[in-house]
Amino acid sequence: MRVLLIFSSLIAGTIAGIYLFGMIWRTTAPEGTTAMVVGAGMPVVVGALTFLGTKAADGRRPSLRNLQTWLVLLGIAASAIGLFVLLIVAAFLVVQRG
């Protein structure tokens, strides 16, 4: 159940991040780095907060003192950024083909 919550929050964060990316890109075209940082950071933050807010099967929340928690957060960040970049590239290819 926890995995489904994290996956759904990554997808929702990616959709919100792409929306924010588009809005920032459209209003301030030269500032592409700001748009990318805000857009790619959104699914990372949403996924990490979901992981830290949910309980494990034993009923305990993750501790920031545990190395396993940091490795999971690193994995969430990597998958969120990968998903964001993949969807941006896919949207770019769709727009280019017309």
C-alpha atoms as a PDB file:
ATOM      1  CA  MET A   1       0.000   0.000   0.000  1.00  0.00           C
ATOM      2  CA  ARG A   2       2.841   2.338   0.853  1.00  0.00           C
ATOM      3  CA  VAL A   3       4.468   1.748  -2.533  1.00  0.00           C
ATOM      4  CA  LEU A   4       1.226   2.629  -4.326  1.00  0.00           C
ATOM      5  CA  LEU A   5       0.971   5.866  -2.370  1.00  0.00           C
ATOM      6  CA  ILE A   6       4.547   6.799  -3.271  1.00  0.00           C
ATOM      7  CA  PHE A   7       4.047   5.950  -6.960  1.00  0.00           C
ATOM      8  CA  SER A   8       0.815   7.926  -7.141  1.00  0.00           C
ATOM      9  CA  SER A   9       2.414  10.899  -5.398  1.00  0.00           C
ATOM     10  CA  LEU A  10       5.316  10.760  -7.866  1.00  0.00           C
ATOM     11  CA  ILE A  11       2.874  10.827 -10.768  1.00  0.00           C
ATOM     12  CA  ALA A  12       0.816  13.653  -9.238  1.00  0.00           C
ATOM     13  CA  GLY A  13       3.987  15.593  -8.406  1.00  0.00           C
ATOM     14  CA  THR A  14       5.273  15.101 -11.942  1.00  0.00           C
ATOM     15  CA  ILE A  15       2.036  16.405 -13.438  1.00  0.00           C
ATOM     16  CA  ALA A  16       2.112  19.414 -11.116  1.00  0.00           C
ATOM     17  CA  GLY A  17       5.824  19.908 -11.854  1.00  0.00           C
ATOM     18  CA  ILE A  18       5.280  19.867 -15.608  1.00  0.00           C
ATOM     19  CA  TYR A  19       2.457  22.387 -15.197  1.00  0.00           C
ATOM     20  CA  LEU A  20       4.703  24.664 -13.121  1.00  0.00           C
ATOM     21  CA  PHE A  21       7.537  24.133 -15.596  1.00  0.00           C
ATOM     22  CA  GLY A  22       5.287  25.246 -18.464  1.00  0.00           C
ATOM     23  CA  MET A  23       3.970  28.271 -16.619  1.00  0.00           C
ATOM     24  CA  ILE A  24       7.436  29.475 -15.582  1.00  0.00           C
ATOM     25  CA  TRP A  25       8.851  28.741 -19.041  1.00  0.00           C
ATOM     26  CA  ARG A  26       6.072  30.711 -20.739  1.00  0.00           C
ATOM     27  CA  THR A  27       6.291  33.762 -18.490  1.00  0.00           C
ATOM     28  CA  THR A  28      10.097  33.974 -18.248  1.00  0.00           C
ATOM     29  CA  ALA A  29      11.477  32.288 -21.357  1.00  0.00           C
ATOM     30  CA  PRO A  30      15.184  32.984 -20.733  1.00  0.00           C
ATOM     31  CA  GLU A  31      15.017  31.470 -17.245  1.00  0.00           C
ATOM     32  CA  GLY A  32      14.886  27.814 -18.272  1.00  0.00           C
ATOM     33  CA  THR A  33      16.987  26.696 -15.322  1.00  0.00           C
ATOM     34  CA  THR A  34      14.508  28.105 -12.822  1.00  0.00           C
ATOM     35  CA  ALA A  35      11.667  26.347 -14.571  1.00  0.00           C
ATOM     36  CA  MET A  36      13.575  23.057 -14.586  1.00  0.00           C
ATOM     37  CA  VAL A  37      14.558  23.282 -10.910  1.00  0.00           C
ATOM     38  CA  VAL A  38      11.021  24.086  -9.771  1.00  0.00           C
ATOM     39  CA  GLY A  39       9.405  21.574 -12.111  1.00  0.00           C
ATOM     40  CA  ALA A  40      11.785  18.713 -11.345  1.00  0.00           C
ATOM     41  CA  GLY A  41      11.849  19.484  -7.635  1.00  0.00           C
ATOM     42  CA  MET A  42       8.087  19.178  -7.264  1.00  0.00           C
ATOM     43  CA  PRO A  43       7.802  15.368  -7.643  1.00  0.00           C
ATOM     44  CA  VAL A  44      10.886  14.894  -5.455  1.00  0.00           C
ATOM     45  CA  VAL A  45       9.372  16.902  -2.613  1.00  0.00           C
ATOM     46  CA  VAL A  46       5.919  15.309  -2.947  1.00  0.00           C
ATOM     47  CA  GLY A  47       7.366  11.773  -3.092  1.00  0.00           C
ATOM     48  CA  ALA A  48       9.696  12.349  -0.139  1.00  0.00           C
ATOM     49  CA  LEU A  49       6.942  13.861   1.989  1.00  0.00           C
ATOM     50  CA  THR A  50       4.657  10.945   1.160  1.00  0.00           C
ATOM     51  CA  PHE A  51       7.339   8.450   2.158  1.00  0.00           C
ATOM     52  CA  LEU A  52       8.106  10.266   5.396  1.00  0.00           C
ATOM     53  CA  GLY A  53       4.413  10.656   6.212  1.00  0.00           C
ATOM     54  CA  THR A  54       3.376   7.021   5.761  1.00  0.00           C
ATOM     55  CA  LYS A  55       3.910   4.215   8.215  1.00  0.00           C
ATOM     56  CA  ALA A  56       5.704   0.956   7.497  1.00  0.00           C
ATOM     57  CA  ALA A  57       4.092  -2.468   7.951  1.00  0.00           C
ATOM     58  CA  ASP A  58       5.220  -2.548  11.581  1.00  0.00           C
ATOM     59  CA  GLY A  59       3.391   0.725  12.284  1.00  0.00           C
ATOM     60  CA  ARG A  60       6.446   2.969  12.623  1.00  0.00           C
ATOM     61  CA  ARG A  61       7.345   6.008  10.569  1.00  0.00           C
ATOM     62  CA  PRO A  62      10.766   6.215   8.893  1.00  0.00           C
ATOM     63  CA  SER A  63      13.548   7.767  10.944  1.00  0.00           C
ATOM     64  CA  LEU A  64      15.964  10.264   9.427  1.00  0.00           C
ATOM     65  CA  ARG A  65      18.702   8.712  11.584  1.00  0.00           C
ATOM     66  CA  ASN A  66      18.487   5.471   9.618  1.00  0.00           C
ATOM     67  CA  LEU A  67      20.701   4.928   6.558  1.00  0.00           C
ATOM     68  CA  GLN A  68      17.996   2.905   4.818  1.00  0.00           C
ATOM     69  CA  THR A  69      15.651   5.915   4.942  1.00  0.00           C
ATOM     70  CA  TRP A  70      18.237   8.093   3.199  1.00  0.00           C
ATOM     71  CA  LEU A  71      18.799   5.460   0.520  1.00  0.00           C
ATOM     72  CA  VAL A  72      15.062   5.242  -0.126  1.00  0.00           C
ATOM     73  CA  LEU A  73      14.836   9.041  -0.346  1.00  0.00           C
ATOM     74  CA  LEU A  74      17.724   9.010  -2.825  1.00  0.00           C
ATOM     75  CA  GLY A  75      15.879   6.395  -4.898  1.00  0.00           C
ATOM     76  CA  ILE A  76      12.680   8.445  -4.798  1.00  0.00           C
ATOM     77  CA  ALA A  77      14.579  11.532  -5.955  1.00  0.00           C
ATOM     78  CA  ALA A  78      16.256   9.643  -8.791  1.00  0.00           C
ATOM     79  CA  SER A  79      13.023   8.089 -10.010  1.00  0.00           C
ATOM     80  CA  ALA A  80      11.118  11.379  -9.772  1.00  0.00           C
ATOM     81  CA  ILE A  81      13.711  13.311 -11.746  1.00  0.00           C
ATOM     82  CA  GLY A  82      13.970  10.510 -14.303  1.00  0.00           C
ATOM     83  CA  LEU A  83      10.204  10.460 -14.749  1.00  0.00           C
ATOM     84  CA  PHE A  84      10.089  14.250 -15.096  1.00  0.00           C
ATOM     85  CA  VAL A  85      12.844  14.359 -17.723  1.00  0.00           C
ATOM     86  CA  LEU A  86      11.309  11.437 -19.625  1.00  0.00           C
ATOM     87  CA  LEU A  87       7.936  13.166 -19.824  1.00  0.00           C
ATOM     88  CA  ILE A  88       9.494  16.502 -20.838  1.00  0.00           C
ATOM     89  CA  VAL A  89      11.385  14.769 -23.672  1.00  0.00           C
ATOM     90  CA  ALA A  90       8.226  12.933 -24.747  1.00  0.00           C
ATOM     91  CA  ALA A  91       6.234  16.166 -24.783  1.00  0.00           C
ATOM     92  CA  PHE A  92       8.998  17.858 -26.780  1.00  0.00           C
ATOM     93  CA  LEU A  93       8.976  15.077 -29.366  1.00  0.00           C
ATOM     94  CA  VAL A  94       5.189  15.212 -29.672  1.00  0.00           C
ATOM     95  CA  VAL A  95       5.280  18.972 -30.202  1.00  0.00           C
ATOM     96  CA  GLN A  96       8.073  18.717 -32.779  1.00  0.00           C
ATOM     97  CA  ARG A  97       6.210  16.128 -34.850  1.00  0.00           C
ATOM     98  CA  GLY A  98       3.173  18.323 -34.916  1.00  0.00           C
END
